[in-house]
Amino acid sequence: MNALIDLPSRRDEAWKYSDLRSALAAGAGLSPAHDRASVEVSEGLRDCGVIGALASQVGEVDRLSVASGETRALVERPKGDREFRPRLLRVDVASGGALTRIVLQAEAPGVALDAIHVRLGAGAVFRQFIFAEGAKLARVETHVLVDGERAEVELNGVYLCGDARHADLTSVITHRAASSQTQQLVKGAARKGGRGVFQGKIVVERMAQKTDARQNHKGLLLEEGAEIFAKPELMIFADDVACAHGNTAGGIDRDGLFYLRSRGLPEPEARALLTEAFLLEAAPGWVKGDARSEIEQRIATWLRSAA
């Protein structure tokens, strides 16, 4: 059985900072057969939301299973070129399994949509780091269902948004089992004409007692005309939990800038050093080797481009 789903606009709460309908209408590369206000969704993909629906029509849907006791690692690169290919990855991590995922989204002129839906068994681990440079509209969605006790979730991210670039990091973590943990830290920087978006929701259901969930977002507005929108959320239905969230947005620390300039650094270099240190704090230690070198190089290149 099929159903129709409307493409979202700012009127949709989950997409109010990322107007997908307008971005696609402006010519992001949809074929004429799909360049319309709705797409057809198969029954099996209704729970995957808009990106899952689009992936089933003009993109790709993949599945991955991580066996009990198995450890897997992925490095992925969502595309945002003129060829519109949204992607959905559905993952099942069995009890005691572990999945580490690094997402590297490069600056692009088109629309980049990527979503992952993860189910965790007892004692399973899911760690993810997202690095996003934005696109005409880039959105990386993460949905995690904690279905087993003592599971662990770590979701970190960094976004950079230059002129005419939009990066949206959206996540929903649902705890349905007791004694599990979620740690999330996302940091971003935006310049004039850029828009960064963070939407994070942690849901703790009644049976998920002794959940420990922490969520934090910090945004850096580097110039007038930059935009950062953040919506952290906690929905807690259990009464024996340790949960917290935080959000800040502002400019570069003036005391830090004064200190570096007093040591002889030119202002552009001092600003770049402070921004780089701010962003790399969100990159966990397990991001190593070539991936970390690439992230550091791309941050440095992005900062130099504004000098």
Protein backbone atom coordinates (compact mmCIF):
# COMPACT_ATOMS: atom_id res chain seq x y z
CA MET A 1 0.00 0.00 0.00
CA ASN A 2 1.31 3.48 -0.86
CA ALA A 3 0.62 6.93 0.55
CA LEU A 4 1.47 10.50 -0.40
CA ILE A 5 3.69 12.73 1.68
CA ASP A 6 4.00 16.48 1.17
CA LEU A 7 7.44 17.97 0.88
CA PRO A 8 8.05 20.06 4.01
CA SER A 9 8.29 23.84 4.19
CA ARG A 10 8.83 26.29 7.05
CA ARG A 11 5.30 25.51 8.24
CA ASP A 12 6.47 22.06 9.34
CA GLU A 13 7.96 22.19 12.83
CA ALA A 14 10.76 19.70 12.11
CA TRP A 15 11.75 21.65 8.98
CA LYS A 16 11.02 25.24 9.99
CA TYR A 17 14.67 26.26 9.61
CA SER A 18 15.22 24.23 6.43
CA ASP A 19 12.66 24.93 3.70
CA LEU A 20 13.11 21.86 1.53
CA ARG A 21 10.18 22.63 -0.76
CA SER A 22 11.60 26.03 -1.70
CA ALA A 23 15.12 24.65 -2.16
CA LEU A 24 13.89 21.98 -4.55
CA ALA A 25 11.55 24.33 -6.37
CA ALA A 26 14.53 26.57 -7.10
CA GLY A 27 16.05 23.81 -9.20
CA ALA A 28 18.11 21.48 -7.07
CA GLY A 29 18.11 18.70 -9.63
CA LEU A 30 14.88 16.76 -9.20
CA SER A 31 13.69 15.12 -12.37
CA PRO A 32 10.39 16.42 -13.80
CA ALA A 33 8.63 13.26 -12.60
CA HIS A 34 9.42 14.14 -8.98
CA ASP A 35 9.50 17.94 -9.11
CA ARG A 36 6.15 18.30 -7.42
CA ALA A 37 4.64 19.00 -4.02
CA SER A 38 4.40 15.36 -2.94
CA VAL A 39 6.08 12.00 -3.36
CA GLU A 40 4.74 8.49 -3.07
CA VAL A 41 5.79 6.51 0.00
CA SER A 42 5.67 2.75 0.35
CA GLU A 43 4.16 1.30 3.51
CA GLY A 44 7.53 0.06 4.75
CA LEU A 45 9.10 3.52 4.62
CA ARG A 46 6.40 5.59 6.30
CA ASP A 47 8.33 5.59 9.58
CA CYS A 48 11.46 6.97 7.89
CA GLY A 49 10.15 10.50 7.37
CA VAL A 50 10.69 12.78 4.42
CA ILE A 51 14.29 11.82 3.66
CA GLY A 52 13.40 8.13 3.71
CA ALA A 53 10.49 8.77 1.37
CA LEU A 54 12.62 10.73 -1.06
CA ALA A 55 15.38 8.14 -0.87
CA SER A 56 12.91 5.45 -1.91
CA GLN A 57 11.92 7.48 -4.98
CA VAL A 58 15.00 9.27 -6.31
CA GLY A 59 17.83 8.19 -4.01
CA GLU A 60 18.96 5.05 -2.27
CA VAL A 61 17.96 2.96 0.76
CA ASP A 62 20.59 0.74 2.37
CA ARG A 63 20.49 -1.71 5.28
CA LEU A 64 23.23 -2.80 7.65
CA SER A 65 23.25 -5.37 10.45
CA VAL A 66 25.94 -5.48 13.13
CA ALA A 67 26.04 -8.88 14.80
CA SER A 68 26.35 -9.51 18.52
CA GLY A 69 29.91 -8.76 19.62
CA GLU A 70 30.87 -7.36 16.19
CA THR A 71 32.52 -3.95 15.69
CA ARG A 72 31.99 -2.02 12.46
CA ALA A 73 33.26 1.35 11.22
CA LEU A 74 31.90 3.51 8.40
CA VAL A 75 33.13 6.67 6.69
CA GLU A 76 30.49 8.28 4.47
CA ARG A 77 30.36 11.32 2.19
CA PRO A 78 26.86 12.65 1.44
CA LYS A 79 26.67 14.39 -1.93
CA GLY A 80 25.09 17.75 -2.64
CA ASP A 81 25.87 18.17 -6.31
CA ARG A 82 23.39 18.78 -9.10
CA GLU A 83 22.34 15.13 -9.08
CA PHE A 84 19.75 14.91 -6.31
CA ARG A 85 20.22 11.58 -4.49
CA PRO A 86 18.99 11.54 -0.89
CA ARG A 87 20.09 8.53 1.14
CA LEU A 88 18.64 6.48 3.98
CA LEU A 89 20.64 3.93 5.97
CA ARG A 90 18.78 1.55 8.30
CA VAL A 91 20.98 -0.16 10.89
CA ASP A 92 20.35 -2.85 13.48
CA VAL A 93 23.07 -3.26 16.11
CA ALA A 94 22.59 -6.48 18.04
CA SER A 95 23.38 -6.94 21.72
CA GLY A 96 27.02 -6.18 22.45
CA GLY A 97 27.70 -4.90 18.94
CA ALA A 98 29.31 -1.56 18.11
CA LEU A 99 29.09 0.81 15.15
CA THR A 100 31.29 3.86 14.60
CA ARG A 101 30.26 6.24 11.81
CA ILE A 102 32.03 9.32 10.44
CA VAL A 103 30.09 11.55 8.04
CA LEU A 104 32.06 14.04 5.92
CA GLN A 105 29.77 16.37 3.98
CA ALA A 106 31.62 18.71 1.64
CA GLU A 107 30.46 22.17 0.55
CA ALA A 108 28.17 21.77 -2.45
CA PRO A 109 25.82 23.81 -4.67
CA GLY A 110 22.85 21.43 -4.55
CA VAL A 111 20.67 19.76 -1.93
CA ALA A 112 22.24 17.04 0.25
CA LEU A 113 19.93 14.85 2.33
CA ASP A 114 21.22 11.98 4.46
CA ALA A 115 19.43 10.01 7.18
CA ILE A 116 20.33 7.08 9.40
CA HIS A 117 17.91 5.07 11.54
CA VAL A 118 19.65 2.93 14.18
CA ARG A 119 18.22 0.35 16.60
CA LEU A 120 20.45 -0.67 19.51
CA GLY A 121 20.20 -3.92 21.44
CA ALA A 122 21.36 -4.51 25.02
CA GLY A 123 24.89 -3.26 25.63
CA ALA A 124 25.24 -2.03 22.03
CA VAL A 125 27.27 1.07 21.17
CA PHE A 126 26.70 3.68 18.47
CA ARG A 127 29.23 6.48 18.00
CA GLN A 128 28.92 9.10 15.27
CA PHE A 129 30.75 12.24 14.21
CA ILE A 130 29.40 14.55 11.51
CA PHE A 131 31.46 17.20 9.73
CA ALA A 132 29.30 19.38 7.48
CA GLU A 133 30.27 22.33 5.29
CA GLY A 134 26.74 22.88 4.04
CA ALA A 135 25.15 23.17 0.63
CA LYS A 136 22.26 25.07 -0.89
CA LEU A 137 20.45 22.97 1.71
CA ALA A 138 22.23 20.16 3.56
CA ARG A 139 20.49 18.10 6.22
CA VAL A 140 21.96 15.12 8.06
CA GLU A 141 19.37 13.32 10.19
CA THR A 142 20.13 10.78 12.91
CA HIS A 143 17.42 8.67 14.54
CA VAL A 144 18.43 6.26 17.29
CA LEU A 145 16.15 3.81 19.11
CA VAL A 146 17.73 2.53 22.32
CA ASP A 147 15.92 -0.79 22.61
CA GLY A 148 18.22 -2.62 25.02
CA GLU A 149 19.57 -1.92 28.49
CA ARG A 150 23.05 -0.46 29.05
CA ALA A 151 23.37 0.75 25.45
CA GLU A 152 25.59 3.75 24.73
CA VAL A 153 25.12 6.59 22.21
CA GLU A 154 27.65 9.31 21.34
CA LEU A 155 26.66 11.87 18.73
CA ASN A 156 29.07 14.71 18.00
CA GLY A 157 29.24 17.14 15.12
CA VAL A 158 30.83 20.22 13.59
CA TYR A 159 29.27 22.44 10.93
CA LEU A 160 30.69 25.35 8.92
CA CYS A 161 28.40 27.66 6.95
CA GLY A 162 29.79 30.21 4.53
CA ASP A 163 27.86 32.57 2.27
CA ALA A 164 24.79 30.92 0.69
CA ARG A 165 25.47 27.66 2.53
CA HIS A 166 23.02 25.91 4.84
CA ALA A 167 23.84 22.99 7.18
CA ASP A 168 21.20 21.25 9.32
CA LEU A 169 22.11 18.60 11.90
CA THR A 170 18.91 17.02 13.23
CA SER A 171 18.73 14.10 15.64
CA VAL A 172 16.16 12.16 17.66
CA ILE A 173 17.31 9.66 20.30
CA THR A 174 14.57 7.59 21.93
CA HIS A 175 15.36 5.63 25.10
CA ARG A 176 13.07 2.65 25.67
CA ALA A 177 15.35 0.61 27.92
CA ALA A 178 16.90 1.24 31.32
CA SER A 179 20.44 2.17 32.33
CA SER A 180 21.57 3.56 28.96
CA GLN A 181 23.61 6.65 28.10
CA THR A 182 23.56 9.39 25.48
CA GLN A 183 26.26 12.05 25.09
CA GLN A 184 25.92 14.71 22.40
CA LEU A 185 28.07 17.74 21.57
CA VAL A 186 27.61 19.80 18.40
CA LYS A 187 29.54 22.96 17.55
CA GLY A 188 29.33 25.19 14.52
CA ALA A 189 30.43 28.46 12.95
CA ALA A 190 28.67 30.67 10.42
CA ARG A 191 29.76 33.64 8.34
CA LYS A 192 27.65 36.32 6.67
CA GLY A 193 25.00 34.71 4.47
CA GLY A 194 25.43 31.27 6.06
CA ARG A 195 22.87 29.40 8.13
CA GLY A 196 23.57 26.66 10.67
CA VAL A 197 20.81 24.58 12.22
CA PHE A 198 20.88 22.17 15.15
CA GLN A 199 17.77 20.30 16.21
CA GLY A 200 18.25 17.65 18.86
CA LYS A 201 15.56 15.73 20.70
CA ILE A 202 16.10 13.15 23.43
CA VAL A 203 13.04 11.14 24.48
CA VAL A 204 13.15 9.07 27.68
CA GLU A 205 10.15 6.76 27.91
CA ARG A 206 8.66 5.56 31.17
CA MET A 207 10.44 2.20 31.19
CA ALA A 208 13.86 3.80 30.59
CA GLN A 209 14.76 4.42 34.23
CA LYS A 210 18.34 5.35 35.16
CA THR A 211 18.98 6.92 31.76
CA ASP A 212 21.91 9.35 31.63
CA ALA A 213 21.49 11.77 28.70
CA ARG A 214 23.49 14.95 28.04
CA GLN A 215 23.08 17.25 25.05
CA ASN A 216 24.98 20.45 24.25
CA HIS A 217 25.15 22.79 21.26
CA LYS A 218 27.42 25.82 20.84
CA GLY A 219 27.34 28.15 17.84
CA LEU A 220 29.80 30.83 16.77
CA LEU A 221 28.56 33.82 14.74
CA LEU A 222 31.65 35.14 13.00
CA GLU A 223 30.10 38.09 11.12
CA GLU A 224 26.97 40.19 11.04
CA GLY A 225 24.41 38.53 8.82
CA ALA A 226 25.30 35.00 9.93
CA GLU A 227 22.46 32.83 11.23
CA ILE A 228 22.41 29.95 13.69
CA PHE A 229 19.19 28.30 14.84
CA ALA A 230 19.15 25.72 17.63
CA LYS A 231 16.34 23.72 19.21
CA PRO A 232 17.52 21.26 21.87
CA GLU A 233 14.72 19.25 23.48
CA LEU A 234 14.25 16.78 26.32
CA MET A 235 11.04 14.77 26.68
CA ILE A 236 11.26 12.78 29.92
CA PHE A 237 8.57 10.38 31.09
CA ALA A 238 10.71 8.46 33.61
CA ASP A 239 11.39 9.72 37.14
CA ASP A 240 14.83 8.24 37.91
CA VAL A 241 17.11 9.83 35.33
CA ALA A 242 20.06 12.22 34.98
CA CYS A 243 19.38 14.39 31.92
CA ALA A 244 20.48 17.87 30.86
CA HIS A 245 20.80 20.03 27.78
CA GLY A 246 22.39 23.35 26.92
CA ASN A 247 22.70 25.82 24.07
CA THR A 248 24.77 28.94 23.47
CA ALA A 249 25.43 31.19 20.50
CA GLY A 250 27.62 34.27 20.25
CA GLY A 251 30.79 35.80 18.89
CA ILE A 252 34.48 35.10 19.45
CA ASP A 253 35.67 35.50 23.02
CA ARG A 254 37.07 39.03 23.28
CA ASP A 255 39.42 38.23 26.16
CA GLY A 256 40.94 35.36 24.22
CA LEU A 257 41.29 37.54 21.14
CA PHE A 258 42.96 40.30 23.15
CA TYR A 259 45.40 37.80 24.70
CA LEU A 260 46.51 36.43 21.33
CA ARG A 261 46.83 39.88 19.78
CA SER A 262 48.86 41.08 22.75
CA ARG A 263 51.31 38.26 21.93
CA GLY A 264 51.82 39.70 18.46
CA LEU A 265 49.38 37.69 16.35
CA PRO A 266 47.53 39.59 13.59
CA GLU A 267 43.78 39.72 14.19
CA PRO A 268 42.80 37.36 11.31
CA GLU A 269 45.24 34.72 12.53
CA ALA A 270 44.10 35.11 16.14
CA ARG A 271 40.44 34.74 15.13
CA ALA A 272 41.25 31.65 13.08
CA LEU A 273 43.12 29.99 15.95
CA LEU A 274 40.29 30.63 18.40
CA THR A 275 37.67 29.37 15.96
CA GLU A 276 39.64 26.23 15.14
CA ALA A 277 40.15 25.38 18.81
CA PHE A 278 36.46 25.98 19.50
CA LEU A 279 35.33 23.63 16.72
CA LEU A 280 37.83 20.82 17.29
CA GLU A 281 36.65 20.41 20.88
CA ALA A 282 33.63 18.61 19.40
CA ALA A 283 35.77 16.10 17.50
CA PRO A 284 36.16 13.08 19.82
CA GLY A 285 39.46 11.34 20.31
CA TRP A 286 38.36 8.23 18.41
CA VAL A 287 38.28 10.27 15.17
CA LYS A 288 41.86 9.56 14.12
CA GLY A 289 44.16 9.08 11.16
CA ASP A 290 43.21 10.28 7.71
CA ALA A 291 39.70 11.32 8.77
CA ARG A 292 40.96 13.64 11.49
CA SER A 293 43.66 15.08 9.24
CA GLU A 294 41.05 15.82 6.59
CA ILE A 295 38.73 17.50 9.09
CA GLU A 296 41.54 19.70 10.46
CA GLN A 297 42.65 20.62 6.94
CA ARG A 298 39.12 21.50 5.82
CA ILE A 299 38.58 23.70 8.87
CA ALA A 300 41.88 25.49 8.22
CA THR A 301 41.03 25.97 4.54
CA TRP A 302 37.58 27.32 5.38
CA LEU A 303 39.06 29.79 7.86
CA ARG A 304 41.75 30.95 5.43
CA SER A 305 39.13 31.60 2.76
CA ALA A 306 37.66 34.34 4.93
CA ALA A 307 40.95 36.04 5.66
